[in-house]
Amino acid sequence: MTDKILKIAKRLKTFTLEDIVMFTGLEINAVRNFLDQSDNIQKFKNKFKYVEIIQKEETFKIIDKNILSQNSDITLIDAINLFMEINTLTEHAKVL
């Protein structure tokens, strides 16, 4: 029932209670109760309007505060030297 009402409301955008009853063939009281309780339907005087509710997905980024971040405004030579230092340390650790 609810899917049927929402589908018609979404297509009509603006409608009356009688429009939904006519298209669905449902009882007027059941349609009225649904329209009053639905989050997707807003009432304007004697008409209703379908409002799309957009689901927003929450994303979180975990930042380890124990790791020091370095400034990204470094020269290419500094970046290469830093990479070589890290690479040398990891290679040395593999040997041990």
PDB file of N, CA and C in Angstrom:
ATOM      1  N   MET A   1       0.824  -1.194   0.000  1.00  0.00           N
ATOM      2  CA  MET A   1       0.000   0.000   0.000  1.00  0.00           C
ATOM      3  C   MET A   1       0.868   1.258   0.000  1.00  0.00           C
ATOM      4  N   THR A   2       1.830   1.322   0.909  1.00  0.00           N
ATOM      5  CA  THR A   2       2.643   2.531   1.020  1.00  0.00           C
ATOM      6  C   THR A   2       3.485   2.753  -0.230  1.00  0.00           C
ATOM      7  N   ASP A   3       4.019   1.676  -0.792  1.00  0.00           N
ATOM      8  CA  ASP A   3       4.813   1.813  -2.008  1.00  0.00           C
ATOM      9  C   ASP A   3       3.969   2.345  -3.162  1.00  0.00           C
ATOM     10  N   LYS A   4       2.746   1.882  -3.223  1.00  0.00           N
ATOM     11  CA  LYS A   4       1.837   2.301  -4.290  1.00  0.00           C
ATOM     12  C   LYS A   4       1.540   3.803  -4.173  1.00  0.00           C
ATOM     13  N   ILE A   5       1.278   4.263  -2.962  1.00  0.00           N
ATOM     14  CA  ILE A   5       0.974   5.682  -2.746  1.00  0.00           C
ATOM     15  C   ILE A   5       2.200   6.541  -3.067  1.00  0.00           C
ATOM     16  N   LEU A   6       3.366   6.136  -2.566  1.00  0.00           N
ATOM     17  CA  LEU A   6       4.577   6.920  -2.808  1.00  0.00           C
ATOM     18  C   LEU A   6       4.957   6.963  -4.284  1.00  0.00           C
ATOM     19  N   LYS A   7       4.740   5.860  -4.966  1.00  0.00           N
ATOM     20  CA  LYS A   7       5.058   5.801  -6.404  1.00  0.00           C
ATOM     21  C   LYS A   7       4.200   6.794  -7.179  1.00  0.00           C
ATOM     22  N   ILE A   8       2.925   6.848  -6.875  1.00  0.00           N
ATOM     23  CA  ILE A   8       2.014   7.774  -7.557  1.00  0.00           C
ATOM     24  C   ILE A   8       2.324   9.212  -7.154  1.00  0.00           C
ATOM     25  N   ALA A   9       2.587   9.439  -5.864  1.00  0.00           N
ATOM     26  CA  ALA A   9       2.893  10.784  -5.378  1.00  0.00           C
ATOM     27  C   ALA A   9       4.170  11.311  -6.025  1.00  0.00           C
ATOM     28  N   LYS A  10       5.140  10.442  -6.195  1.00  0.00           N
ATOM     29  CA  LYS A  10       6.414  10.844  -6.800  1.00  0.00           C
ATOM     30  C   LYS A  10       6.211  11.260  -8.253  1.00  0.00           C
ATOM     31  N   ARG A  11       5.352  10.562  -8.956  1.00  0.00           N
ATOM     32  CA  ARG A  11       5.094  10.901 -10.360  1.00  0.00           C
ATOM     33  C   ARG A  11       4.272  12.181 -10.507  1.00  0.00           C
ATOM     34  N   LEU A  12       3.309  12.388  -9.600  1.00  0.00           N
ATOM     35  CA  LEU A  12       2.443  13.562  -9.696  1.00  0.00           C
ATOM     36  C   LEU A  12       3.107  14.828  -9.146  1.00  0.00           C
ATOM     37  N   LYS A  13       4.007  14.687  -8.211  1.00  0.00           N
ATOM     38  CA  LYS A  13       4.688  15.791  -7.506  1.00  0.00           C
ATOM     39  C   LYS A  13       3.723  16.577  -6.614  1.00  0.00           C
ATOM     40  N   THR A  14       2.705  17.209  -7.184  1.00  0.00           N
ATOM     41  CA  THR A  14       1.696  17.932  -6.411  1.00  0.00           C
ATOM     42  C   THR A  14       0.348  17.282  -6.696  1.00  0.00           C
ATOM     43  N   PHE A  15      -0.410  17.032  -5.627  1.00  0.00           N
ATOM     44  CA  PHE A  15      -1.647  16.262  -5.789  1.00  0.00           C
ATOM     45  C   PHE A  15      -2.581  16.529  -4.626  1.00  0.00           C
ATOM     46  N   THR A  16      -3.818  16.048  -4.790  1.00  0.00           N
ATOM     47  CA  THR A  16      -4.813  16.132  -3.720  1.00  0.00           C
ATOM     48  C   THR A  16      -5.039  14.736  -3.150  1.00  0.00           C
ATOM     49  N   LEU A  17      -5.739  14.680  -2.047  1.00  0.00           N
ATOM     50  CA  LEU A  17      -6.093  13.403  -1.423  1.00  0.00           C
ATOM     51  C   LEU A  17      -6.934  12.565  -2.386  1.00  0.00           C
ATOM     52  N   GLU A  18      -7.841  13.222  -3.071  1.00  0.00           N
ATOM     53  CA  GLU A  18      -8.711  12.528  -4.010  1.00  0.00           C
ATOM     54  C   GLU A  18      -7.934  11.939  -5.189  1.00  0.00           C
ATOM     55  N   ASP A  19      -6.873  12.610  -5.614  1.00  0.00           N
ATOM     56  CA  ASP A  19      -6.044  12.079  -6.709  1.00  0.00           C
ATOM     57  C   ASP A  19      -5.464  10.718  -6.326  1.00  0.00           C
ATOM     58  N   ILE A  20      -4.921  10.631  -5.126  1.00  0.00           N
ATOM     59  CA  ILE A  20      -4.305   9.382  -4.679  1.00  0.00           C
ATOM     60  C   ILE A  20      -5.352   8.294  -4.517  1.00  0.00           C
ATOM     61  N   VAL A  21      -6.512   8.646  -3.954  1.00  0.00           N
ATOM     62  CA  VAL A  21      -7.592   7.663  -3.791  1.00  0.00           C
ATOM     63  C   VAL A  21      -8.040   7.151  -5.151  1.00  0.00           C
ATOM     64  N   MET A  22      -8.165   8.039  -6.139  1.00  0.00           N
ATOM     65  CA  MET A  22      -8.612   7.655  -7.470  1.00  0.00           C
ATOM     66  C   MET A  22      -7.595   6.719  -8.148  1.00  0.00           C
ATOM     67  N   PHE A  23      -6.301   7.038  -8.042  1.00  0.00           N
ATOM     68  CA  PHE A  23      -5.284   6.230  -8.713  1.00  0.00           C
ATOM     69  C   PHE A  23      -5.012   4.899  -8.009  1.00  0.00           C
ATOM     70  N   THR A  24      -5.152   4.855  -6.688  1.00  0.00           N
ATOM     71  CA  THR A  24      -4.832   3.630  -5.953  1.00  0.00           C
ATOM     72  C   THR A  24      -6.032   2.742  -5.701  1.00  0.00           C
ATOM     73  N   GLY A  25      -7.206   3.340  -5.594  1.00  0.00           N
ATOM     74  CA  GLY A  25      -8.400   2.568  -5.267  1.00  0.00           C
ATOM     75  C   GLY A  25      -8.472   2.215  -3.789  1.00  0.00           C
ATOM     76  N   LEU A  26      -7.651   2.840  -2.966  1.00  0.00           N
ATOM     77  CA  LEU A  26      -7.648   2.574  -1.519  1.00  0.00           C
ATOM     78  C   LEU A  26      -8.682   3.445  -0.819  1.00  0.00           C
ATOM     79  N   GLU A  27      -8.979   3.104   0.432  1.00  0.00           N
ATOM     80  CA  GLU A  27      -9.939   3.884   1.210  1.00  0.00           C
ATOM     81  C   GLU A  27      -9.355   5.250   1.560  1.00  0.00           C
ATOM     82  N   ILE A  28     -10.223   6.246   1.591  1.00  0.00           N
ATOM     83  CA  ILE A  28      -9.787   7.619   1.803  1.00  0.00           C
ATOM     84  C   ILE A  28      -9.124   7.811   3.170  1.00  0.00           C
ATOM     85  N   ASN A  29      -9.637   7.141   4.204  1.00  0.00           N
ATOM     86  CA  ASN A  29      -9.062   7.293   5.547  1.00  0.00           C
ATOM     87  C   ASN A  29      -7.656   6.713   5.629  1.00  0.00           C
ATOM     88  N   ALA A  30      -7.426   5.580   4.972  1.00  0.00           N
ATOM     89  CA  ALA A  30      -6.105   4.957   4.983  1.00  0.00           C
ATOM     90  C   ALA A  30      -5.097   5.844   4.254  1.00  0.00           C
ATOM     91  N   VAL A  31      -5.525   6.413   3.125  1.00  0.00           N
ATOM     92  CA  VAL A  31      -4.646   7.299   2.361  1.00  0.00           C
ATOM     93  C   VAL A  31      -4.350   8.562   3.157  1.00  0.00           C
ATOM     94  N   ARG A  32      -5.363   9.143   3.787  1.00  0.00           N
ATOM     95  CA  ARG A  32      -5.193  10.361   4.583  1.00  0.00           C
ATOM     96  C   ARG A  32      -4.198  10.124   5.723  1.00  0.00           C
ATOM     97  N   ASN A  33      -4.355   8.988   6.424  1.00  0.00           N
ATOM     98  CA  ASN A  33      -3.451   8.675   7.535  1.00  0.00           C
ATOM     99  C   ASN A  33      -2.006   8.529   7.040  1.00  0.00           C
ATOM    100  N   PHE A  34      -1.854   7.857   5.916  1.00  0.00           N
ATOM    101  CA  PHE A  34      -0.505   7.679   5.385  1.00  0.00           C
ATOM    102  C   PHE A  34       0.118   9.014   4.986  1.00  0.00           C
ATOM    103  N   LEU A  35      -0.643   9.853   4.295  1.00  0.00           N
ATOM    104  CA  LEU A  35      -0.121  11.141   3.855  1.00  0.00           C
ATOM    105  C   LEU A  35       0.255  12.030   5.040  1.00  0.00           C
ATOM    106  N   ASP A  36      -0.513  11.961   6.100  1.00  0.00           N
ATOM    107  CA  ASP A  36      -0.222  12.760   7.294  1.00  0.00           C
ATOM    108  C   ASP A  36       1.034  12.281   8.014  1.00  0.00           C
ATOM    109  N   GLN A  37       1.326  10.992   7.945  1.00  0.00           N
ATOM    110  CA  GLN A  37       2.451  10.425   8.689  1.00  0.00           C
ATOM    111  C   GLN A  37       3.730  10.290   7.865  1.00  0.00           C
ATOM    112  N   SER A  38       3.634  10.425   6.569  1.00  0.00           N
ATOM    113  CA  SER A  38       4.790  10.198   5.704  1.00  0.00           C
ATOM    114  C   SER A  38       5.781  11.365   5.764  1.00  0.00           C
ATOM    115  N   ASP A  39       7.071  11.025   5.809  1.00  0.00           N
ATOM    116  CA  ASP A  39       8.122  12.043   5.793  1.00  0.00           C
ATOM    117  C   ASP A  39       8.322  12.619   4.397  1.00  0.00           C
ATOM    118  N   ASN A  40       7.917  11.881   3.371  1.00  0.00           N
ATOM    119  CA  ASN A  40       8.102  12.313   1.987  1.00  0.00           C
ATOM    120  C   ASN A  40       7.003  13.247   1.494  1.00  0.00           C
ATOM    121  N   ILE A  41       5.958  13.411   2.259  1.00  0.00           N
ATOM    122  CA  ILE A  41       4.810  14.193   1.825  1.00  0.00           C
ATOM    123  C   ILE A  41       4.671  15.433   2.703  1.00  0.00           C
ATOM    124  N   GLN A  42       4.573  16.596   2.049  1.00  0.00           N
ATOM    125  CA  GLN A  42       4.334  17.846   2.773  1.00  0.00           C
ATOM    126  C   GLN A  42       2.973  18.384   2.359  1.00  0.00           C
ATOM    127  N   LYS A  43       2.249  18.940   3.334  1.00  0.00           N
ATOM    128  CA  LYS A  43       0.907  19.449   3.067  1.00  0.00           C
ATOM    129  C   LYS A  43       0.957  20.962   2.849  1.00  0.00           C
ATOM    130  N   PHE A  44       0.305  21.428   1.770  1.00  0.00           N
ATOM    131  CA  PHE A  44       0.180  22.838   1.461  1.00  0.00           C
ATOM    132  C   PHE A  44      -1.293  23.142   1.225  1.00  0.00           C
ATOM    133  N   LYS A  45      -1.911  23.783   2.216  1.00  0.00           N
ATOM    134  CA  LYS A  45      -3.343  24.101   2.173  1.00  0.00           C
ATOM    135  C   LYS A  45      -4.151  22.828   1.925  1.00  0.00           C
ATOM    136  N   ASN A  46      -4.836  22.708   0.783  1.00  0.00           N
ATOM    137  CA  ASN A  46      -5.636  21.505   0.510  1.00  0.00           C
ATOM    138  C   ASN A  46      -4.924  20.546  -0.446  1.00  0.00           C
ATOM    139  N   LYS A  47      -3.633  20.790  -0.729  1.00  0.00           N
ATOM    140  CA  LYS A  47      -2.870  19.920  -1.622  1.00  0.00           C
ATOM    141  C   LYS A  47      -1.677  19.334  -0.889  1.00  0.00           C
ATOM    142  N   PHE A  48      -1.094  18.340  -1.502  1.00  0.00           N
ATOM    143  CA  PHE A  48       0.093  17.687  -0.960  1.00  0.00           C
ATOM    144  C   PHE A  48       1.213  17.785  -1.987  1.00  0.00           C
ATOM    145  N   LYS A  49       2.437  17.700  -1.505  1.00  0.00           N
ATOM    146  CA  LYS A  49       3.596  17.750  -2.394  1.00  0.00           C
ATOM    147  C   LYS A  49       4.558  16.651  -1.985  1.00  0.00           C
ATOM    148  N   TYR A  50       5.065  15.923  -2.982  1.00  0.00           N
ATOM    149  CA  TYR A  50       6.049  14.876  -2.739  1.00  0.00           C
ATOM    150  C   TYR A  50       7.430  15.507  -2.629  1.00  0.00           C
ATOM    151  N   VAL A  51       8.165  15.132  -1.587  1.00  0.00           N
ATOM    152  CA  VAL A  51       9.516  15.647  -1.369  1.00  0.00           C
ATOM    153  C   VAL A  51      10.463  14.459  -1.281  1.00  0.00           C
ATOM    154  N   GLU A  52      11.485  14.472  -2.129  1.00  0.00           N
ATOM    155  CA  GLU A  52      12.467  13.377  -2.141  1.00  0.00           C
ATOM    156  C   GLU A  52      13.379  13.529  -0.928  1.00  0.00           C
ATOM    157  N   ILE A  53      13.550  12.453  -0.186  1.00  0.00           N
ATOM    158  CA  ILE A  53      14.474  12.442   0.940  1.00  0.00           C
ATOM    159  C   ILE A  53      15.755  11.769   0.473  1.00  0.00           C
ATOM    160  N   ILE A  54      16.836  12.535   0.485  1.00  0.00           N
ATOM    161  CA  ILE A  54      18.113  12.026   0.003  1.00  0.00           C
ATOM    162  C   ILE A  54      18.872  11.421   1.176  1.00  0.00           C
ATOM    163  N   GLN A  55      19.262  10.178   1.007  1.00  0.00           N
ATOM    164  CA  GLN A  55      20.032   9.483   2.033  1.00  0.00           C
ATOM    165  C   GLN A  55      21.495   9.860   1.875  1.00  0.00           C
ATOM    166  N   LYS A  56      22.078  10.398   2.931  1.00  0.00           N
ATOM    167  CA  LYS A  56      23.493  10.761   2.881  1.00  0.00           C
ATOM    168  C   LYS A  56      24.281   9.717   3.646  1.00  0.00           C
ATOM    169  N   GLU A  57      25.291   9.215   2.984  1.00  0.00           N
ATOM    170  CA  GLU A  57      26.131   8.208   3.609  1.00  0.00           C
ATOM    171  C   GLU A  57      27.229   8.917   4.390  1.00  0.00           C
ATOM    172  N   GLU A  58      27.368   8.540   5.658  1.00  0.00           N
ATOM    173  CA  GLU A  58      28.389   9.159   6.476  1.00  0.00           C
ATOM    174  C   GLU A  58      29.701   8.410   6.323  1.00  0.00           C
ATOM    175  N   THR A  59      30.741   9.169   6.133  1.00  0.00           N
ATOM    176  CA  THR A  59      32.062   8.572   6.029  1.00  0.00           C
ATOM    177  C   THR A  59      32.952   9.189   7.096  1.00  0.00           C
ATOM    178  N   PHE A  60      33.812   8.381   7.633  1.00  0.00           N
ATOM    179  CA  PHE A  60      34.707   8.833   8.674  1.00  0.00           C
ATOM    180  C   PHE A  60      36.141   8.539   8.270  1.00  0.00           C
ATOM    181  N   LYS A  61      37.023   9.394   8.683  1.00  0.00           N
ATOM    182  CA  LYS A  61      38.431   9.203   8.411  1.00  0.00           C
ATOM    183  C   LYS A  61      39.133   9.086   9.762  1.00  0.00           C
ATOM    184  N   ILE A  62      39.832   7.997   9.952  1.00  0.00           N
ATOM    185  CA  ILE A  62      40.540   7.786  11.203  1.00  0.00           C
ATOM    186  C   ILE A  62      41.953   8.311  11.037  1.00  0.00           C
ATOM    187  N   ILE A  63      42.329   9.192  11.924  1.00  0.00           N
ATOM    188  CA  ILE A  63      43.655   9.783  11.874  1.00  0.00           C
ATOM    189  C   ILE A  63      44.411   9.360  13.120  1.00  0.00           C
ATOM    190  N   ASP A  64      45.562   8.802  12.917  1.00  0.00           N
ATOM    191  CA  ASP A  64      46.406   8.396  14.039  1.00  0.00           C
ATOM    192  C   ASP A  64      47.209   9.611  14.474  1.00  0.00           C
ATOM    193  N   LYS A  65      46.904  10.123  15.651  1.00  0.00           N
ATOM    194  CA  LYS A  65      47.576  11.336  16.127  1.00  0.00           C
ATOM    195  C   LYS A  65      48.995  11.054  16.594  1.00  0.00           C
ATOM    196  N   ASN A  66      49.373   9.790  16.716  1.00  0.00           N
ATOM    197  CA  ASN A  66      50.723   9.450  17.147  1.00  0.00           C
ATOM    198  C   ASN A  66      51.732   9.544  16.010  1.00  0.00           C
ATOM    199  N   ILE A  67      51.252   9.578  14.782  1.00  0.00           N
ATOM    200  CA  ILE A  67      52.134   9.674  13.629  1.00  0.00           C
ATOM    201  C   ILE A  67      52.275  11.145  13.259  1.00  0.00           C
ATOM    202  N   LEU A  68      53.504  11.611  13.245  1.00  0.00           N
ATOM    203  CA  LEU A  68      53.739  12.999  12.890  1.00  0.00           C
ATOM    204  C   LEU A  68      53.571  13.180  11.389  1.00  0.00           C
ATOM    205  N   SER A  69      52.841  14.192  11.015  1.00  0.00           N
ATOM    206  CA  SER A  69      52.679  14.468   9.591  1.00  0.00           C
ATOM    207  C   SER A  69      53.717  15.506   9.187  1.00  0.00           C
ATOM    208  N   GLN A  70      54.201  15.372   7.981  1.00  0.00           N
ATOM    209  CA  GLN A  70      55.196  16.302   7.484  1.00  0.00           C
ATOM    210  C   GLN A  70      54.549  17.243   6.489  1.00  0.00           C
ATOM    211  N   ASN A  71      55.156  18.367   6.342  1.00  0.00           N
ATOM    212  CA  ASN A  71      54.665  19.376   5.415  1.00  0.00           C
ATOM    213  C   ASN A  71      54.768  18.845   3.986  1.00  0.00           C
ATOM    214  N   SER A  72      53.718  19.006   3.214  1.00  0.00           N
ATOM    215  CA  SER A  72      53.742  18.521   1.839  1.00  0.00           C
ATOM    216  C   SER A  72      54.414  19.516   0.895  1.00  0.00           C
ATOM    217  N   ASP A  73      54.775  20.679   1.402  1.00  0.00           N
ATOM    218  CA  ASP A  73      55.450  21.682   0.575  1.00  0.00           C
ATOM    219  C   ASP A  73      56.960  21.479   0.639  1.00  0.00           C
ATOM    220  N   ILE A  74      57.429  20.334   0.145  1.00  0.00           N
ATOM    221  CA  ILE A  74      58.863  20.056   0.127  1.00  0.00           C
ATOM    222  C   ILE A  74      59.317  19.949  -1.318  1.00  0.00           C
ATOM    223  N   THR A  75      60.592  20.122  -1.512  1.00  0.00           N
ATOM    224  CA  THR A  75      61.118  20.048  -2.876  1.00  0.00           C
ATOM    225  C   THR A  75      61.227  18.596  -3.312  1.00  0.00           C
ATOM    226  N   LEU A  76      61.416  18.409  -4.573  1.00  0.00           N
ATOM    227  CA  LEU A  76      61.554  17.066  -5.124  1.00  0.00           C
ATOM    228  C   LEU A  76      62.789  16.376  -4.562  1.00  0.00           C
ATOM    229  N   ILE A  77      63.877  17.120  -4.444  1.00  0.00           N
ATOM    230  CA  ILE A  77      65.124  16.548  -3.911  1.00  0.00           C
ATOM    231  C   ILE A  77      64.920  16.092  -2.464  1.00  0.00           C
ATOM    232  N   ASP A  78      64.229  16.914  -1.659  1.00  0.00           N
ATOM    233  CA  ASP A  78      63.957  16.533  -0.267  1.00  0.00           C
ATOM    234  C   ASP A  78      63.084  15.276  -0.209  1.00  0.00           C
ATOM    235  N   ALA A  79      62.115  15.173  -1.097  1.00  0.00           N
ATOM    236  CA  ALA A  79      61.238  14.005  -1.132  1.00  0.00           C
ATOM    237  C   ALA A  79      62.019  12.747  -1.502  1.00  0.00           C
ATOM    238  N   ILE A  80      62.921  12.889  -2.471  1.00  0.00           N
ATOM    239  CA  ILE A  80      63.738  11.732  -2.890  1.00  0.00           C
ATOM    240  C   ILE A  80      64.641  11.289  -1.748  1.00  0.00           C
ATOM    241  N   ASN A  81      65.280  12.262  -1.082  1.00  0.00           N
ATOM    242  CA  ASN A  81      66.152  11.928   0.050  1.00  0.00           C
ATOM    243  C   ASN A  81      65.375  11.245   1.169  1.00  0.00           C
ATOM    244  N   LEU A  82      64.190  11.748   1.471  1.00  0.00           N
ATOM    245  CA  LEU A  82      63.354  11.137   2.513  1.00  0.00           C
ATOM    246  C   LEU A  82      62.972   9.714   2.118  1.00  0.00           C
ATOM    247  N   PHE A  83      62.608   9.512   0.863  1.00  0.00           N
ATOM    248  CA  PHE A  83      62.261   8.184   0.376  1.00  0.00           C
ATOM    249  C   PHE A  83      63.453   7.233   0.495  1.00  0.00           C
ATOM    250  N   MET A  84      64.621   7.715   0.125  1.00  0.00           N
ATOM    251  CA  MET A  84      65.820   6.880   0.182  1.00  0.00           C
ATOM    252  C   MET A  84      66.160   6.497   1.630  1.00  0.00           C
ATOM    253  N   GLU A  85      65.960   7.445   2.560  1.00  0.00           N
ATOM    254  CA  GLU A  85      66.207   7.146   3.977  1.00  0.00           C
ATOM    255  C   GLU A  85      65.262   6.051   4.464  1.00  0.00           C
ATOM    256  N   ILE A  86      63.996   6.183   4.135  1.00  0.00           N
ATOM    257  CA  ILE A  86      63.004   5.186   4.565  1.00  0.00           C
ATOM    258  C   ILE A  86      63.301   3.850   3.901  1.00  0.00           C
ATOM    259  N   ASN A  87      63.630   3.881   2.633  1.00  0.00           N
ATOM    260  CA  ASN A  87      63.933   2.656   1.895  1.00  0.00           C
ATOM    261  C   ASN A  87      65.163   1.971   2.482  1.00  0.00           C
ATOM    262  N   THR A  88      66.189   2.738   2.824  1.00  0.00           N
ATOM    263  CA  THR A  88      67.405   2.183   3.412  1.00  0.00           C
ATOM    264  C   THR A  88      67.106   1.551   4.766  1.00  0.00           C
ATOM    265  N   LEU A  89      66.272   2.216   5.566  1.00  0.00           N
ATOM    266  CA  LEU A  89      65.922   1.683   6.882  1.00  0.00           C
ATOM    267  C   LEU A  89      65.145   0.377   6.766  1.00  0.00           C
ATOM    268  N   THR A  90      64.240   0.305   5.813  1.00  0.00           N
ATOM    269  CA  THR A  90      63.459  -0.931   5.659  1.00  0.00           C
ATOM    270  C   THR A  90      64.323  -2.066   5.107  1.00  0.00           C
ATOM    271  N   GLU A  91      65.223  -1.727   4.216  1.00  0.00           N
ATOM    272  CA  GLU A  91      66.140  -2.741   3.686  1.00  0.00           C
ATOM    273  C   GLU A  91      67.067  -3.258   4.782  1.00  0.00           C
ATOM    274  N   HIS A  92      67.528  -2.347   5.628  1.00  0.00           N
ATOM    275  CA  HIS A  92      68.404  -2.721   6.736  1.00  0.00           C
ATOM    276  C   HIS A  92      67.655  -3.613   7.727  1.00  0.00           C
ATOM    277  N   ALA A  93      66.377  -3.294   7.950  1.00  0.00           N
ATOM    278  CA  ALA A  93      65.574  -4.102   8.876  1.00  0.00           C
ATOM    279  C   ALA A  93      65.327  -5.497   8.326  1.00  0.00           C
ATOM    280  N   LYS A  94      65.222  -5.646   7.017  1.00  0.00           N
ATOM    281  CA  LYS A  94      65.014  -6.972   6.411  1.00  0.00           C
ATOM    282  C   LYS A  94      66.244  -7.851   6.582  1.00  0.00           C
ATOM    283  N   VAL A  95      67.421  -7.231   6.554  1.00  0.00           N
ATOM    284  CA  VAL A  95      68.651  -7.983   6.690  1.00  0.00           C
ATOM    285  C   VAL A  95      68.778  -8.530   8.114  1.00  0.00           C
ATOM    286  N   LEU A  96      68.348  -7.773   9.081  1.00  0.00           N
ATOM    287  CA  LEU A  96      68.443  -8.199  10.476  1.00  0.00           C
ATOM    288  C   LEU A  96      67.419  -9.270  10.720  1.00  0.00           C
TER     289      LEU A  96
END
